[in-house]
C-alpha atoms as a PDB file:
ATOM      1  CA  MET A   1       5.086 154.510  76.820  1.00  0.00           C
ATOM      2  CA  VAL A   2       7.110 154.217  79.859  1.00  0.00           C
ATOM      3  CA  HIS A   3       8.309 157.322  81.491  1.00  0.00           C
ATOM      4  CA  GLN A   4      11.708 156.862  83.661  1.00  0.00           C
ATOM      5  CA  SER A   5      12.104 158.764  86.893  1.00  0.00           C
ATOM      6  CA  THR A   6       8.271 158.893  87.383  1.00  0.00           C
ATOM      7  CA  VAL A   7       6.061 157.756  89.813  1.00  0.00           C
ATOM      8  CA  PHE A   8       3.021 155.916  88.484  1.00  0.00           C
ATOM      9  CA  HIS A   9      -0.480 156.026  90.345  1.00  0.00           C
ATOM     10  CA  TYR A  10      -2.075 152.846  89.333  1.00  0.00           C
ATOM     11  CA  GLU A  11      -5.975 152.603  89.718  1.00  0.00           C
ATOM     12  CA  SER A  12      -7.858 149.293  90.335  1.00  0.00           C
ATOM     13  CA  ASN A  13      -9.574 147.703  87.552  1.00  0.00           C
ATOM     14  CA  HIS A  14      -9.103 144.200  86.046  1.00  0.00           C
ATOM     15  CA  CYS A  15      -6.184 142.362  84.933  1.00  0.00           C
ATOM     16  CA  SER A  16      -6.636 138.907  84.336  1.00  0.00           C
ATOM     17  CA  PRO A  17      -4.321 136.284  85.923  1.00  0.00           C
ATOM     18  CA  SER A  18      -3.338 135.058  82.881  1.00  0.00           C
ATOM     19  CA  SER A  19      -1.567 138.246  81.966  1.00  0.00           C
ATOM     20  CA  ARG A  20       0.662 137.923  84.560  1.00  0.00           C
ATOM     21  CA  GLY A  21       4.590 137.848  83.108  1.00  0.00           C
ATOM     22  CA  SER A  22       3.775 140.190  80.771  1.00  0.00           C
ATOM     23  CA  LEU A  23       3.260 143.805  79.957  1.00  0.00           C
ATOM     24  CA  CYS A  24      -1.027 144.426  80.796  1.00  0.00           C
ATOM     25  CA  ASN A  25      -2.401 147.907  80.491  1.00  0.00           C
ATOM     26  CA  GLU A  26      -4.809 147.161  83.320  1.00  0.00           C
ATOM     27  CA  VAL A  27      -3.923 146.285  87.198  1.00  0.00           C
ATOM     28  CA  ASN A  28      -5.827 144.638  89.748  1.00  0.00           C
ATOM     29  CA  LEU A  29      -5.231 146.032  93.065  1.00  0.00           C
ATOM     30  CA  PRO A  30      -6.101 144.519  96.632  1.00  0.00           C
ATOM     31  CA  SER A  31      -7.883 148.017  97.310  1.00  0.00           C
ATOM     32  CA  SER A  32      -9.431 151.624  95.885  1.00  0.00           C
ATOM     33  CA  GLU A  33      -6.312 153.085  96.578  1.00  0.00           C
ATOM     34  CA  PRO A  34      -3.410 153.824  94.241  1.00  0.00           C
ATOM     35  CA  GLU A  35      -0.314 151.936  94.783  1.00  0.00           C
ATOM     36  CA  GLN A  36       2.703 154.397  93.702  1.00  0.00           C
ATOM     37  CA  LEU A  37       5.556 152.787  91.541  1.00  0.00           C
ATOM     38  CA  PHE A  38       8.652 154.594  90.965  1.00  0.00           C
ATOM     39  CA  LEU A  39      11.285 153.387  87.573  1.00  0.00           C
ATOM     40  CA  PRO A  40      14.916 154.361  87.970  1.00  0.00           C
ATOM     41  CA  ARG A  41      16.133 156.757  84.783  1.00  0.00           C
ATOM     42  CA  GLY A  42      17.446 154.906  82.126  1.00  0.00           C
ATOM     43  CA  TYR A  43      15.172 151.717  83.106  1.00  0.00           C
ATOM     44  CA  GLU A  44      16.914 148.934  81.111  1.00  0.00           C
ATOM     45  CA  SER A  45      14.175 145.889  81.101  1.00  0.00           C
ATOM     46  CA  GLY A  46      17.295 143.634  80.554  1.00  0.00           C
ATOM     47  CA  TYR A  47      18.677 144.485  83.660  1.00  0.00           C
ATOM     48  CA  ASP A  48      17.449 142.668  86.982  1.00  0.00           C
ATOM     49  CA  TYR A  49      17.226 145.898  89.437  1.00  0.00           C
ATOM     50  CA  PRO A  50      16.703 145.737  93.504  1.00  0.00           C
ATOM     51  CA  LEU A  51      13.402 146.513  94.298  1.00  0.00           C
ATOM     52  CA  LEU A  52      12.305 148.610  97.466  1.00  0.00           C
ATOM     53  CA  VAL A  53       9.131 147.916  99.048  1.00  0.00           C
ATOM     54  CA  TRP A  54       8.047 151.186 100.899  1.00  0.00           C
ATOM     55  CA  LEU A  55       5.668 151.141 104.097  1.00  0.00           C
ATOM     56  CA  PRO A  56       4.773 154.391 105.317  1.00  0.00           C
ATOM     57  CA  GLN A  57       2.672 155.165 108.223  1.00  0.00           C
ATOM     58  CA  SER A  58      -1.050 153.703 107.592  1.00  0.00           C
ATOM     59  CA  ASP A  59      -2.299 157.267 108.160  1.00  0.00           C
ATOM     60  CA  ASP A  60       0.457 159.041 106.047  1.00  0.00           C
ATOM     61  CA  ALA A  61      -1.632 160.237 102.900  1.00  0.00           C
ATOM     62  CA  HIS A  62       1.185 162.174 102.028  1.00  0.00           C
ATOM     63  CA  PHE A  63       4.033 160.150 101.465  1.00  0.00           C
ATOM     64  CA  ASP A  64       5.543 161.175  98.197  1.00  0.00           C
ATOM     65  CA  LEU A  65       7.768 158.202  96.975  1.00  0.00           C
ATOM     66  CA  GLY A  66       9.192 160.099  93.851  1.00  0.00           C
ATOM     67  CA  ARG A  67      10.621 162.818  95.952  1.00  0.00           C
ATOM     68  CA  THR A  68      11.915 160.104  98.598  1.00  0.00           C
ATOM     69  CA  MET A  69      13.485 158.527  95.392  1.00  0.00           C
ATOM     70  CA  MET A  70      14.850 161.324  93.929  1.00  0.00           C
ATOM     71  CA  ARG A  71      16.491 162.070  97.248  1.00  0.00           C
ATOM     72  CA  MET A  72      17.864 158.559  97.505  1.00  0.00           C
ATOM     73  CA  SER A  73      18.729 157.424  94.126  1.00  0.00           C
ATOM     74  CA  LEU A  74      17.410 157.868  90.630  1.00  0.00           C
ATOM     75  CA  ARG A  75      19.242 155.299  89.233  1.00  0.00           C
ATOM     76  CA  ASN A  76      19.890 152.280  91.484  1.00  0.00           C
ATOM     77  CA  TYR A  77      16.476 150.700  91.882  1.00  0.00           C
ATOM     78  CA  ILE A  78      12.543 150.486  91.202  1.00  0.00           C
ATOM     79  CA  ALA A  79      10.466 151.253  94.054  1.00  0.00           C
ATOM     80  CA  VAL A  80       6.795 150.321  95.104  1.00  0.00           C
ATOM     81  CA  VAL A  81       4.399 151.683  97.725  1.00  0.00           C
ATOM     82  CA  PRO A  82       1.425 148.788  98.485  1.00  0.00           C
ATOM     83  CA  ALA A  83      -2.281 149.857  98.442  1.00  0.00           C
ATOM     84  CA  ASP A  84      -2.265 148.961 101.845  1.00  0.00           C
ATOM     85  CA  PRO A  85       1.422 149.106 103.475  1.00  0.00           C
ATOM     86  CA  SER A  86      -0.173 147.463 106.980  1.00  0.00           C
ATOM     87  CA  ASP A  87      -1.454 144.609 105.459  1.00  0.00           C
ATOM     88  CA  LEU A  88       1.376 141.428 104.339  1.00  0.00           C
ATOM     89  CA  GLU A  89      -0.919 140.213 101.642  1.00  0.00           C
ATOM     90  CA  SER A  90      -1.259 143.551 100.184  1.00  0.00           C
ATOM     91  CA  CYS A  91       3.054 143.581 100.380  1.00  0.00           C
ATOM     92  CA  PHE A  92       3.663 140.576  98.614  1.00  0.00           C
ATOM     93  CA  GLU A  93       0.807 141.270  95.631  1.00  0.00           C
ATOM     94  CA  ALA A  94       2.793 144.552  95.154  1.00  0.00           C
ATOM     95  CA  ILE A  95       5.796 142.592  94.796  1.00  0.00           C
ATOM     96  CA  ASP A  96       4.365 140.293  92.528  1.00  0.00           C
ATOM     97  CA  LEU A  97       2.694 142.656  90.340  1.00  0.00           C
ATOM     98  CA  THR A  98       5.716 144.641  89.980  1.00  0.00           C
ATOM     99  CA  MET A  99       7.925 141.434  89.289  1.00  0.00           C
ATOM    100  CA  SER A 100       5.321 140.766  86.717  1.00  0.00           C
ATOM    101  CA  ARG A 101       6.092 143.789  84.735  1.00  0.00           C
ATOM    102  CA  TYR A 102       9.093 144.925  85.086  1.00  0.00           C
ATOM    103  CA  SER A 103      12.894 143.517  85.783  1.00  0.00           C
ATOM    104  CA  VAL A 104      13.490 142.858  89.412  1.00  0.00           C
ATOM    105  CA  HIS A 105      15.783 140.626  90.916  1.00  0.00           C
ATOM    106  CA  SER A 106      14.081 138.343  92.784  1.00  0.00           C
ATOM    107  CA  ARG A 107      17.014 138.062  95.629  1.00  0.00           C
ATOM    108  CA  ARG A 108      17.355 141.999  95.864  1.00  0.00           C
ATOM    109  CA  ILE A 109      13.809 142.792  97.846  1.00  0.00           C
ATOM    110  CA  TYR A 110      13.866 145.260 100.539  1.00  0.00           C
ATOM    111  CA  LEU A 111      11.579 146.436 102.908  1.00  0.00           C
ATOM    112  CA  ILE A 112      11.778 150.009 104.314  1.00  0.00           C
ATOM    113  CA  GLY A 113       9.173 151.066 106.885  1.00  0.00           C
ATOM    114  CA  VAL A 114       8.703 154.224 108.510  1.00  0.00           C
ATOM    115  CA  GLU A 115       7.698 154.793 111.648  1.00  0.00           C
ATOM    116  CA  GLU A 116       4.668 152.372 112.421  1.00  0.00           C
ATOM    117  CA  GLY A 117       5.735 150.895 108.838  1.00  0.00           C
ATOM    118  CA  GLY A 118       8.764 150.345 110.213  1.00  0.00           C
ATOM    119  CA  GLY A 119       7.506 147.752 112.908  1.00  0.00           C
ATOM    120  CA  ASN A 120       5.927 146.123 110.138  1.00  0.00           C
ATOM    121  CA  ALA A 121       8.881 146.083 108.031  1.00  0.00           C
ATOM    122  CA  PHE A 122      10.874 144.117 111.087  1.00  0.00           C
ATOM    123  CA  ARG A 123       7.659 142.013 111.409  1.00  0.00           C
ATOM    124  CA  TYR A 124       7.209 141.001 107.463  1.00  0.00           C
ATOM    125  CA  ALA A 125      10.569 140.443 107.286  1.00  0.00           C
ATOM    126  CA  CYS A 126      11.175 138.152 110.545  1.00  0.00           C
ATOM    127  CA  GLN A 127       7.802 136.348 109.215  1.00  0.00           C
ATOM    128  CA  ASN A 128       9.328 135.581 105.659  1.00  0.00           C
ATOM    129  CA  PRO A 129      13.037 136.096 105.952  1.00  0.00           C
ATOM    130  CA  GLU A 130      13.550 134.051 102.501  1.00  0.00           C
ATOM    131  CA  SER A 131      11.241 136.438 100.919  1.00  0.00           C
ATOM    132  CA  PHE A 132      13.750 139.662 101.506  1.00  0.00           C
ATOM    133  CA  ALA A 133      17.503 140.525 101.414  1.00  0.00           C
ATOM    134  CA  GLY A 134      17.201 143.254 103.797  1.00  0.00           C
ATOM    135  CA  VAL A 135      14.974 145.587 106.316  1.00  0.00           C
ATOM    136  CA  VAL A 136      15.414 149.096 107.232  1.00  0.00           C
ATOM    137  CA  SER A 137      12.919 150.684 109.665  1.00  0.00           C
ATOM    138  CA  VAL A 138      12.980 154.460 109.815  1.00  0.00           C
ATOM    139  CA  ASN A 139      11.657 155.145 113.742  1.00  0.00           C
ATOM    140  CA  GLY A 140      10.083 152.163 114.060  1.00  0.00           C
ATOM    141  CA  GLN A 141      11.152 150.045 116.990  1.00  0.00           C
ATOM    142  CA  PHE A 142      11.514 146.291 116.538  1.00  0.00           C
ATOM    143  CA  PRO A 143       8.337 144.464 117.851  1.00  0.00           C
ATOM    144  CA  LEU A 144      10.131 142.151 120.516  1.00  0.00           C
ATOM    145  CA  ARG A 145       7.042 140.763 122.252  1.00  0.00           C
ATOM    146  CA  GLU A 146       5.768 138.942 119.265  1.00  0.00           C
ATOM    147  CA  GLY A 147       8.155 136.152 119.213  1.00  0.00           C
ATOM    148  CA  LEU A 148       9.369 137.096 116.099  1.00  0.00           C
ATOM    149  CA  LEU A 149      13.175 135.686 117.333  1.00  0.00           C
ATOM    150  CA  GLY A 150      11.685 132.518 117.664  1.00  0.00           C
ATOM    151  CA  GLN A 151      12.969 131.429 113.888  1.00  0.00           C
ATOM    152  CA  PHE A 152      16.319 133.177 114.701  1.00  0.00           C
ATOM    153  CA  ASP A 153      18.264 130.438 112.886  1.00  0.00           C
ATOM    154  CA  ARG A 154      16.477 131.688 109.549  1.00  0.00           C
ATOM    155  CA  VAL A 155      16.128 135.296 110.395  1.00  0.00           C
ATOM    156  CA  ARG A 156      19.903 135.311 111.554  1.00  0.00           C
ATOM    157  CA  SER A 157      21.712 136.153 108.467  1.00  0.00           C
ATOM    158  CA  LEU A 158      19.097 138.479 106.984  1.00  0.00           C
ATOM    159  CA  PRO A 159      20.692 142.305 107.042  1.00  0.00           C
ATOM    160  CA  MET A 160      18.595 144.987 109.414  1.00  0.00           C
ATOM    161  CA  MET A 161      19.126 148.618 109.834  1.00  0.00           C
ATOM    162  CA  LEU A 162      17.037 150.676 112.252  1.00  0.00           C
ATOM    163  CA  CYS A 163      17.528 154.786 111.814  1.00  0.00           C
ATOM    164  CA  CYS A 164      16.119 156.912 114.322  1.00  0.00           C
ATOM    165  CA  ASP A 165      15.668 160.467 115.561  1.00  0.00           C
ATOM    166  CA  GLU A 166      16.899 161.561 118.195  1.00  0.00           C
ATOM    167  CA  LYS A 167      13.424 163.580 118.776  1.00  0.00           C
ATOM    168  CA  THR A 168      10.928 160.864 118.177  1.00  0.00           C
ATOM    169  CA  LYS A 169       9.340 158.415 120.824  1.00  0.00           C
ATOM    170  CA  THR A 170      12.320 155.402 119.568  1.00  0.00           C
ATOM    171  CA  GLY A 171      15.265 158.260 119.871  1.00  0.00           C
ATOM    172  CA  GLU A 172      14.009 158.844 123.300  1.00  0.00           C
ATOM    173  CA  LEU A 173      13.828 155.351 124.275  1.00  0.00           C
ATOM    174  CA  LEU A 174      17.346 154.081 123.152  1.00  0.00           C
ATOM    175  CA  ASN A 175      18.515 153.610 126.651  1.00  0.00           C
ATOM    176  CA  ASP A 176      15.386 151.952 127.892  1.00  0.00           C
ATOM    177  CA  ARG A 177      15.283 148.068 128.493  1.00  0.00           C
ATOM    178  CA  ASP A 178      13.351 147.190 125.280  1.00  0.00           C
ATOM    179  CA  VAL A 179      15.714 148.911 122.614  1.00  0.00           C
ATOM    180  CA  ASN A 180      19.162 147.743 124.788  1.00  0.00           C
ATOM    181  CA  GLN A 181      17.273 144.207 124.834  1.00  0.00           C
ATOM    182  CA  THR A 182      17.130 143.973 121.166  1.00  0.00           C
ATOM    183  CA  LEU A 183      21.050 145.123 120.556  1.00  0.00           C
ATOM    184  CA  ARG A 184      21.940 142.418 123.209  1.00  0.00           C
ATOM    185  CA  LEU A 185      19.899 139.769 121.639  1.00  0.00           C
ATOM    186  CA  PHE A 186      21.308 140.581 118.173  1.00  0.00           C
ATOM    187  CA  HIS A 187      25.025 140.780 119.253  1.00  0.00           C
ATOM    188  CA  ALA A 188      24.308 137.499 121.253  1.00  0.00           C
ATOM    189  CA  ALA A 189      22.655 135.714 118.543  1.00  0.00           C
ATOM    190  CA  GLY A 190      24.940 137.185 115.630  1.00  0.00           C
ATOM    191  CA  GLY A 191      22.212 138.856 114.249  1.00  0.00           C
ATOM    192  CA  LEU A 192      22.955 141.849 111.421  1.00  0.00           C
ATOM    193  CA  LEU A 193      21.524 145.073 112.912  1.00  0.00           C
ATOM    194  CA  SER A 194      22.778 148.407 112.087  1.00  0.00           C
ATOM    195  CA  MET A 195      21.792 151.380 113.909  1.00  0.00           C
ATOM    196  CA  ARG A 196      21.950 155.178 112.796  1.00  0.00           C
ATOM    197  CA  VAL A 197      20.787 157.740 115.509  1.00  0.00           C
ATOM    198  CA  TYR A 198      20.408 161.048 113.780  1.00  0.00           C
ATOM    199  CA  ARG A 199      21.012 164.308 115.959  1.00  0.00           C
ATOM    200  CA  ASN A 200      18.349 167.401 115.355  1.00  0.00           C
ATOM    201  CA  LYS A 201      20.660 170.238 114.237  1.00  0.00           C
ATOM    202  CA  SER A 202      17.645 172.903 114.125  1.00  0.00           C
ATOM    203  CA  THR A 203      18.474 175.720 116.106  1.00  0.00           C
ATOM    204  CA  ASP A 204      15.430 175.377 118.603  1.00  0.00           C
ATOM    205  CA  GLY A 205      15.966 171.322 118.617  1.00  0.00           C
ATOM    206  CA  THR A 206      12.364 170.957 117.921  1.00  0.00           C
ATOM    207  CA  GLN A 207      12.207 170.080 114.204  1.00  0.00           C
ATOM    208  CA  GLN A 208      12.327 166.295 113.494  1.00  0.00           C
ATOM    209  CA  VAL A 209      15.299 164.803 111.217  1.00  0.00           C
ATOM    210  CA  SER A 210      13.269 164.534 107.648  1.00  0.00           C
ATOM    211  CA  LEU A 211      13.478 161.310 106.179  1.00  0.00           C
ATOM    212  CA  GLY A 212      15.306 163.003 103.206  1.00  0.00           C
ATOM    213  CA  ASP A 213      18.268 163.786 105.416  1.00  0.00           C
ATOM    214  CA  MET A 214      18.413 159.761 106.142  1.00  0.00           C
ATOM    215  CA  VAL A 215      17.829 158.209 102.698  1.00  0.00           C
ATOM    216  CA  GLY A 216      21.416 159.009 101.503  1.00  0.00           C
ATOM    217  CA  ASP A 217      22.414 156.583 104.353  1.00  0.00           C
ATOM    218  CA  ILE A 218      20.163 153.820 103.653  1.00  0.00           C
ATOM    219  CA  ASP A 219      21.002 153.828  99.766  1.00  0.00           C
ATOM    220  CA  ARG A 220      24.976 153.832 100.737  1.00  0.00           C
ATOM    221  CA  TRP A 221      23.941 150.717 103.425  1.00  0.00           C
ATOM    222  CA  ILE A 222      22.388 148.934 100.639  1.00  0.00           C
ATOM    223  CA  MET A 223      24.772 149.356  98.252  1.00  0.00           C
ATOM    224  CA  ASP A 224      27.841 148.583 100.347  1.00  0.00           C
ATOM    225  CA  GLU A 225      26.631 146.324 103.205  1.00  0.00           C
ATOM    226  CA  VAL A 226      23.522 144.279 101.924  1.00  0.00           C
ATOM    227  CA  CYS A 227      24.378 144.192  98.157  1.00  0.00           C
ATOM    228  CA  ARG A 228      28.415 143.231  98.419  1.00  0.00           C
ATOM    229  CA  VAL A 229      28.915 140.222  96.180  1.00  0.00           C
ATOM    230  CA  PRO A 230      32.341 138.817  94.831  1.00  0.00           C
ATOM    231  CA  GLU A 231      34.162 141.244  92.787  1.00  0.00           C
ATOM    232  CA  GLY A 232      34.277 138.933  89.954  1.00  0.00           C
ATOM    233  CA  GLN A 233      30.556 139.090  89.530  1.00  0.00           C
ATOM    234  CA  MET A 234      29.891 142.805  90.675  1.00  0.00           C
ATOM    235  CA  THR A 235      27.360 145.075  88.525  1.00  0.00           C
ATOM    236  CA  ALA A 236      28.046 148.568  88.742  1.00  0.00           C
ATOM    237  CA  LEU A 237      25.343 150.685  90.029  1.00  0.00           C
ATOM    238  CA  VAL A 238      25.536 154.653  89.492  1.00  0.00           C
END
């Protein structure tokens, strides 16, 4: 029985490759860590949903996919956290596994990384631009010194979003050379990089802006800027 708007923790066991493409009760994960999966409320197997692949920090054992998606959208997406968000192969295994079990639009797969995971999201997307429809980094810098833009002709049309809390390291470096160089390069090359800077509203100015305060903008960015299709082909998402 499938329960919507819940998070499933898949434990490592055995699912044969021959079962791929059908629903099986057992899942083979790339590590012993559980993988988190979120299904939207009112999930319909006949509708191809966008898939959000969340990449939290490698040391963040408390990332709550269910609570994050409840703040973002209960109906628009399927979402997953790879067993090892810092490993590209684990990321693709999570995508393949989710697509084999649930109805996912193969051209609507988005990476969303948090801090260190944000840098990985940029990295994975630039290395495999045809595999993703867009990428979001929350307080994670674009890896400038890895030659990722060497294939910029392929990356040029990939929409990217950078969300920064002004109190984090990334926010403090907004005017430094690396970030300015990134903005200039994307502008000169015609790349699609959107930036949001979140001002701290706490009275003492020390508390970081929470991820929950950013996910609404991420949802709107995906719906309004990335998923835009001709009106005659549009399918309403609520």
